[in-house]
Amino acid sequence: MRKFTSWLIGLSLGAAVGAVLVLLFAPASGDEIIAALKKSWAATLDDARRANAARRAELEAELARKQKKAN
């Protein structure tokens, strides 16, 4: 457990340092970068929700077929 905690702390600190460096050295302003990240995050969530809905429909159809086959 201690190894995992150390790894998690290291990962968090590395991500924070990386984020600060990106904001400092990026050619765009901080507000532009944050807006782009928010837009990208929203698009990723939308894609994930659509993929989830499609997979759910596939699994529900498969379950219905198996239930019908069992009866």
Protein backbone atom coordinates (compact mmCIF):
# COMPACT_ATOMS: atom_id res chain seq x y z
CA MET A 1 0.00 0.00 0.00
CA ARG A 2 2.84 2.36 0.80
CA LYS A 3 4.38 1.81 -2.65
CA PHE A 4 1.10 2.67 -4.32
CA THR A 5 0.71 5.83 -2.23
CA SER A 6 4.21 6.95 -3.14
CA TRP A 7 3.53 6.23 -6.80
CA LEU A 8 0.25 8.16 -6.67
CA ILE A 9 1.91 11.16 -5.01
CA GLY A 10 4.68 11.11 -7.62
CA LEU A 11 2.17 10.91 -10.44
CA SER A 12 0.17 13.81 -9.02
CA LEU A 13 3.22 15.99 -8.53
CA GLY A 14 4.51 15.16 -12.01
CA ALA A 15 1.15 16.04 -13.55
CA ALA A 16 1.02 19.32 -11.64
CA VAL A 17 4.56 20.29 -12.67
CA GLY A 18 3.79 19.33 -16.28
CA ALA A 19 0.62 21.43 -16.28
CA VAL A 20 2.47 24.45 -14.93
CA LEU A 21 5.24 24.07 -17.53
CA VAL A 22 2.72 23.82 -20.34
CA LEU A 23 0.99 26.98 -19.18
CA LEU A 24 4.30 28.83 -18.86
CA PHE A 25 5.87 27.83 -22.17
CA ALA A 26 2.89 27.41 -24.47
CA PRO A 27 2.59 29.84 -27.40
CA ALA A 28 -1.06 30.53 -26.51
CA SER A 29 -2.36 32.38 -23.47
CA GLY A 30 -3.47 30.49 -20.41
CA ASP A 31 -7.12 31.33 -21.04
CA GLU A 32 -6.89 29.99 -24.60
CA ILE A 33 -5.28 26.76 -23.42
CA ILE A 34 -7.87 26.28 -20.70
CA ALA A 35 -10.70 26.91 -23.18
CA ALA A 36 -9.19 24.40 -25.61
CA LEU A 37 -8.80 21.82 -22.84
CA LYS A 38 -12.42 22.30 -21.74
CA LYS A 39 -13.62 21.92 -25.33
CA SER A 40 -11.53 18.78 -25.79
CA TRP A 41 -12.76 17.36 -22.48
CA ALA A 42 -16.39 17.98 -23.45
CA ALA A 43 -15.86 16.29 -26.82
CA THR A 44 -14.20 13.31 -25.15
CA LEU A 45 -17.07 12.96 -22.68
CA ASP A 46 -19.58 13.17 -25.52
CA ASP A 47 -17.73 10.44 -27.45
CA ALA A 48 -17.56 8.26 -24.34
CA ARG A 49 -21.29 8.69 -23.68
CA ARG A 50 -22.14 7.76 -27.26
CA ALA A 51 -19.87 4.70 -27.12
CA ASN A 52 -21.43 3.72 -23.80
CA ALA A 53 -24.95 4.00 -25.20
CA ALA A 54 -24.04 1.93 -28.27
CA ARG A 55 -22.37 -0.78 -26.20
CA ARG A 56 -25.28 -0.83 -23.76
CA ALA A 57 -27.70 -1.34 -26.66
CA GLU A 58 -25.54 -4.21 -27.99
CA LEU A 59 -25.41 -5.90 -24.60
CA GLU A 60 -29.14 -5.47 -23.98
CA ALA A 61 -29.90 -6.99 -27.41
CA GLU A 62 -27.57 -9.90 -26.68
CA LEU A 63 -29.21 -10.44 -23.29
CA ALA A 64 -32.66 -10.39 -24.86
CA ARG A 65 -31.57 -12.98 -27.46
CA LYS A 66 -30.12 -15.25 -24.78
CA GLN A 67 -33.18 -14.90 -22.57
CA LYS A 68 -35.42 -15.71 -25.54
CA LYS A 69 -33.24 -18.70 -26.42
CA ALA A 70 -33.35 -19.98 -22.82
CA ASN A 71 -37.17 -19.89 -22.72
